[in-house]
Amino acid sequence: MTAAAFEATVLTIFPDLFPGTLGASLLGRALVNGLWRLDAHDLRAHALDRHASVDDAPFGGGAGMVMRPDVVARAVDAAFPPDDPRPRVCLSPRGRRFDQRQAAAWAEGQGLVLLCGRYEGIDQRVIEARGFEEVSVGDFVLTGGEAAAMLVLDATLRLIPGVLGAPESLLDESFAAGGEGLLEYPHYTRPQVWEGRAVPEVLLSGHHARVEAWRRAESLRLTRARRPDLLPRYPDAGARPAEVPQEPQERGQSHERHPAA
């Protein structure tokens, strides 16, 4: 039995921005192959005046405009039924922080509904009345929620089975459970020496245990240096020794290495 496609519904005043980068490469191929579907709704199509206005001045004064609750509600009600089980997400810098764990949880579901704000934001009443959760992609402010929606979808869609050509690549990447939630280790490819910089010798050894130990040590080093806040979340990350084992050397054994092509 084929699993149902992941359904992504986006509510925005710029529906032509979608799928954007989501339509390229692996995610674009998955879209064509029916692993996920996209429905971008134009909020302006539900405006109440001939000017297709979606915003108005804020009560209490202040700069900027606020997206009207009646217009947004009309769009929401037309886009999907009230009993739609998909999570409803309003992209907002004041929301709960989006992370890899949340992406993995959403990837296991039926899909997402994403509401993209503009101007000063969206009237709080419609966010609450229609059951949206405010979610942030970081401690910064964008001109609109569309870029944030694409980020959330990209991070989530790539975790759906069948989207990536090599699913094992998910195991050790940054924040992944297989990598204990640490930052990912550095990667190297040909040429073996570039601008005087050589690939770490251990990666050329062919000794799988040493390679794995080096990668874990690098993950720990980078996490401690760049994201020490991650370590308390994964108390077992530093429990195992991270030393790189020495490659055994037999008497008379040659360790001459030949540069990679």
Protein backbone atom coordinates (compact mmCIF):
# COMPACT_ATOMS: atom_id res chain seq x y z
CA MET A 1 0.00 0.00 0.00
CA THR A 2 1.43 3.36 -1.06
CA ALA A 3 1.66 6.00 1.67
CA ALA A 4 -0.39 9.14 1.17
CA ALA A 5 1.49 12.17 -0.11
CA PHE A 6 2.57 14.83 2.37
CA GLU A 7 0.16 17.76 1.91
CA ALA A 8 1.63 21.27 2.23
CA THR A 9 -0.81 24.19 2.23
CA VAL A 10 0.62 27.72 2.21
CA LEU A 11 -1.45 30.87 2.77
CA THR A 12 0.33 33.95 1.42
CA ILE A 13 -0.13 37.17 -0.52
CA PHE A 14 2.61 35.95 -2.87
CA PRO A 15 1.54 32.47 -4.05
CA ASP A 16 3.72 32.77 -7.15
CA LEU A 17 6.80 32.48 -4.93
CA PHE A 18 6.00 28.79 -4.48
CA PRO A 19 7.36 26.21 -4.98
CA GLY A 20 10.48 28.32 -5.53
CA THR A 21 13.55 26.41 -4.41
CA LEU A 22 11.28 23.58 -3.26
CA GLY A 23 10.68 22.79 -6.91
CA ALA A 24 14.36 22.12 -7.62
CA SER A 25 16.66 19.13 -7.18
CA LEU A 26 15.54 16.29 -4.89
CA LEU A 27 12.51 18.08 -3.45
CA GLY A 28 11.35 19.05 -6.93
CA ARG A 29 11.68 15.46 -8.11
CA ALA A 30 9.74 14.28 -5.06
CA LEU A 31 7.01 16.80 -5.90
CA VAL A 32 6.78 15.53 -9.47
CA ASN A 33 6.77 11.93 -8.23
CA GLY A 34 3.89 12.59 -5.86
CA LEU A 35 5.71 12.14 -2.55
CA TRP A 36 4.37 15.52 -1.50
CA ARG A 37 1.85 18.04 -2.79
CA LEU A 38 1.75 21.82 -2.60
CA ASP A 39 -1.27 24.10 -2.52
CA ALA A 40 -0.48 27.83 -2.34
CA HIS A 41 -3.51 30.01 -1.53
CA ASP A 42 -3.64 33.72 -2.33
CA LEU A 43 -4.86 35.66 0.71
CA ARG A 44 -5.83 38.58 -1.51
CA ALA A 45 -8.41 36.41 -3.26
CA HIS A 46 -10.41 36.57 -0.03
CA ALA A 47 -10.27 40.34 0.46
CA LEU A 48 -13.49 42.23 1.12
CA ASP A 49 -12.98 45.27 -1.12
CA ARG A 50 -12.23 45.96 -4.77
CA HIS A 51 -8.65 46.92 -3.90
CA ALA A 52 -7.94 43.40 -2.58
CA SER A 53 -6.79 44.87 0.74
CA VAL A 54 -5.56 42.41 3.33
CA ASP A 55 -4.25 44.84 5.96
CA ASP A 56 -5.32 47.83 8.05
CA ALA A 57 -3.92 50.25 10.63
CA PRO A 58 -3.17 48.84 14.10
CA PHE A 59 -5.38 49.68 17.07
CA GLY A 60 -3.37 51.58 19.67
CA GLY A 61 -1.28 53.27 17.01
CA GLY A 62 2.19 52.46 15.85
CA ALA A 63 4.07 52.01 12.62
CA GLY A 64 3.10 49.62 9.87
CA MET A 65 -0.05 47.72 9.04
CA VAL A 66 -1.63 44.54 10.39
CA MET A 67 -3.19 41.73 8.38
CA ARG A 68 -6.96 41.65 8.94
CA PRO A 69 -8.47 38.71 10.82
CA ASP A 70 -11.58 38.52 8.65
CA VAL A 71 -9.60 38.25 5.42
CA VAL A 72 -7.20 35.66 6.83
CA ALA A 73 -10.07 33.65 8.31
CA ARG A 74 -11.89 33.55 4.97
CA ALA A 75 -8.75 32.20 3.30
CA VAL A 76 -8.19 29.60 6.02
CA ASP A 77 -11.80 28.41 5.92
CA ALA A 78 -11.70 28.09 2.13
CA ALA A 79 -8.37 26.25 2.07
CA PHE A 80 -9.18 23.27 4.30
CA PRO A 81 -11.98 21.95 6.57
CA PRO A 82 -12.05 22.68 10.32
CA ASP A 83 -11.28 19.04 11.17
CA ASP A 84 -8.11 18.91 9.06
CA PRO A 85 -5.61 17.10 11.33
CA ARG A 86 -2.48 18.77 9.97
CA PRO A 87 -0.52 21.12 12.26
CA ARG A 88 -1.29 24.79 11.61
CA VAL A 89 1.82 26.94 11.71
CA CYS A 90 2.05 30.73 11.68
CA LEU A 91 5.61 31.83 10.91
CA SER A 92 6.57 34.48 13.46
CA PRO A 93 9.84 35.63 15.10
CA ARG A 94 8.12 35.48 18.49
CA GLY A 95 7.13 31.83 18.08
CA ARG A 96 8.57 28.62 19.44
CA ARG A 97 11.94 27.81 17.86
CA PHE A 98 11.82 25.37 14.96
CA ASP A 99 14.47 22.64 15.04
CA GLN A 100 15.45 19.26 13.59
CA ARG A 101 13.36 17.32 16.09
CA GLN A 102 10.26 19.23 15.08
CA ALA A 103 11.03 18.68 11.39
CA ALA A 104 11.33 14.94 12.02
CA ALA A 105 8.04 14.85 13.91
CA TRP A 106 6.19 16.75 11.18
CA ALA A 107 7.72 14.56 8.46
CA GLU A 108 5.93 11.58 10.01
CA GLY A 109 2.55 13.31 9.73
CA GLN A 110 0.08 14.01 6.94
CA GLY A 111 1.33 17.48 6.12
CA LEU A 112 1.45 21.11 7.24
CA VAL A 113 -0.56 24.30 6.92
CA LEU A 114 1.70 27.38 6.84
CA LEU A 115 0.43 30.93 7.29
CA CYS A 116 2.82 33.61 6.02
CA GLY A 117 2.54 37.03 7.59
CA ARG A 118 3.60 40.37 6.15
CA TYR A 119 3.76 43.99 7.32
CA GLU A 120 3.74 44.26 11.14
CA GLY A 121 2.12 40.87 11.49
CA ILE A 122 -1.26 39.15 11.66
CA ASP A 123 -4.15 40.07 13.96
CA GLN A 124 -3.70 37.84 17.01
CA ARG A 125 -7.38 36.94 17.14
CA VAL A 126 -7.35 34.91 13.95
CA ILE A 127 -4.12 33.14 14.93
CA GLU A 128 -5.82 31.92 18.10
CA ALA A 129 -9.32 31.39 16.67
CA ARG A 130 -8.10 29.16 13.84
CA GLY A 131 -5.69 27.17 16.00
CA PHE A 132 -2.34 28.28 14.59
CA GLU A 133 0.87 27.79 16.54
CA GLU A 134 3.46 30.53 16.15
CA VAL A 135 6.83 29.11 15.10
CA SER A 136 10.13 30.93 14.59
CA VAL A 137 13.04 29.88 12.37
CA GLY A 138 15.57 31.97 14.30
CA ASP A 139 16.30 35.11 16.27
CA PHE A 140 15.95 37.51 13.36
CA VAL A 141 13.17 39.25 11.44
CA LEU A 142 12.28 38.72 7.78
CA THR A 143 10.17 40.88 5.49
CA GLY A 144 7.61 38.09 5.31
CA GLY A 145 6.89 34.52 6.26
CA GLU A 146 7.40 33.02 2.81
CA ALA A 147 11.14 32.42 3.14
CA ALA A 148 10.57 30.93 6.59
CA ALA A 149 7.84 28.66 5.22
CA MET A 150 10.21 27.37 2.54
CA LEU A 151 12.86 26.72 5.17
CA VAL A 152 10.42 24.74 7.34
CA LEU A 153 9.19 22.75 4.36
CA ASP A 154 12.70 22.03 3.08
CA ALA A 155 13.85 20.74 6.47
CA THR A 156 10.71 18.62 6.86
CA LEU A 157 10.25 17.26 3.34
CA ARG A 158 13.80 15.92 3.03
CA LEU A 159 13.08 13.58 5.96
CA ILE A 160 10.14 11.91 4.20
CA PRO A 161 11.07 8.37 3.12
CA GLY A 162 11.98 8.24 -0.56
CA VAL A 163 12.87 11.93 -0.94
CA LEU A 164 16.64 11.59 -0.51
CA GLY A 165 18.55 9.26 -2.77
CA ALA A 166 20.80 8.08 0.09
CA PRO A 167 18.71 8.03 3.29
CA GLU A 168 21.71 6.85 5.32
CA SER A 169 23.15 10.35 4.85
CA LEU A 170 20.58 11.54 7.40
CA LEU A 171 22.07 9.49 10.23
CA ASP A 172 25.18 11.53 11.01
CA GLU A 173 24.28 15.02 9.82
CA SER A 174 24.01 17.94 12.22
CA PHE A 175 21.32 17.59 14.93
CA ALA A 176 20.40 14.06 13.80
CA ALA A 177 19.62 11.37 16.38
CA GLY A 178 22.14 9.04 14.73
CA GLY A 179 24.84 11.62 15.39
CA GLU A 180 23.68 12.15 19.00
CA GLY A 181 22.34 15.57 18.09
CA LEU A 182 25.82 17.01 17.59
CA LEU A 183 27.06 19.18 14.75
CA GLU A 184 28.26 17.20 11.77
CA TYR A 185 31.94 16.50 11.17
CA PRO A 186 33.81 18.19 8.24
CA HIS A 187 33.86 16.63 4.77
CA TYR A 188 36.71 16.35 2.25
CA THR A 189 37.06 15.15 -1.36
CA ARG A 190 39.60 15.33 -4.21
CA PRO A 191 42.16 16.75 -4.72
CA GLN A 192 44.03 15.29 -1.76
CA VAL A 193 46.09 18.49 -1.42
CA TRP A 194 44.54 21.81 -2.42
CA GLU A 195 46.31 25.18 -2.06
CA GLY A 196 48.72 23.56 0.37
CA ARG A 197 45.92 22.17 2.55
CA ALA A 198 45.93 18.39 2.91
CA VAL A 199 43.06 16.07 3.73
CA PRO A 200 43.40 14.74 7.32
CA GLU A 201 45.61 11.66 7.19
CA VAL A 202 43.17 9.47 9.11
CA LEU A 203 40.62 9.73 6.30
CA LEU A 204 43.13 8.15 3.91
CA SER A 205 43.97 5.26 6.23
CA GLY A 206 41.21 2.86 5.21
CA HIS A 207 40.81 2.07 8.93
CA HIS A 208 37.06 2.36 9.50
CA ALA A 209 37.24 2.44 13.29
CA ARG A 210 39.78 5.27 13.21
CA VAL A 211 37.70 7.20 10.67
CA GLU A 212 34.54 6.87 12.79
CA ALA A 213 36.40 7.88 15.95
CA TRP A 214 37.89 10.92 14.17
CA ARG A 215 34.48 11.97 12.90
CA ARG A 216 32.93 11.75 16.34
CA ALA A 217 35.83 13.65 17.89
CA GLU A 218 35.39 16.39 15.28
CA SER A 219 31.64 16.51 15.92
CA LEU A 220 32.28 16.99 19.64
CA ARG A 221 34.97 19.60 19.01
CA LEU A 222 32.76 21.64 16.69
CA THR A 223 29.74 21.37 18.97
CA ARG A 224 31.71 22.51 22.02
CA ALA A 225 33.18 25.43 20.07
CA ARG A 226 30.13 26.59 18.13
CA ARG A 227 27.01 25.24 19.85
CA PRO A 228 27.79 24.33 23.47
CA ASP A 229 24.10 24.81 24.20
CA LEU A 230 23.43 21.51 22.41
CA LEU A 231 25.52 19.40 24.79
CA PRO A 232 23.14 19.53 27.81
CA ARG A 233 20.36 18.19 25.58
CA TYR A 234 22.40 15.08 24.86
CA PRO A 235 24.15 14.11 28.12
CA ASP A 236 25.47 10.87 26.62
CA ALA A 237 27.30 12.69 23.84
CA GLY A 238 30.46 13.11 25.88
CA ALA A 239 30.23 9.80 27.71
CA ARG A 240 32.20 7.70 25.25
CA PRO A 241 35.88 8.44 24.63
CA ALA A 242 36.51 10.40 21.48
CA GLU A 243 40.16 9.46 21.03
CA VAL A 244 41.19 8.25 17.61
CA PRO A 245 42.69 4.74 17.95
CA GLN A 246 46.13 4.19 16.55
CA GLU A 247 46.40 2.04 13.48
CA PRO A 248 48.26 -1.19 14.34
CA GLN A 249 51.64 -1.49 12.63
CA GLU A 250 53.26 -4.84 11.96
CA ARG A 251 57.03 -5.27 11.69
CA GLY A 252 58.19 -4.46 8.20
CA GLN A 253 54.76 -3.14 7.18
CA SER A 254 54.89 -0.27 4.73
CA HIS A 255 52.65 2.77 5.28
CA GLU A 256 53.52 4.56 2.09
CA ARG A 257 50.45 6.34 0.73
CA HIS A 258 49.69 7.18 -2.84
CA PRO A 259 47.90 10.46 -3.55
CA ALA A 260 44.34 10.11 -4.77
CA ALA A 261 43.70 10.94 -8.38
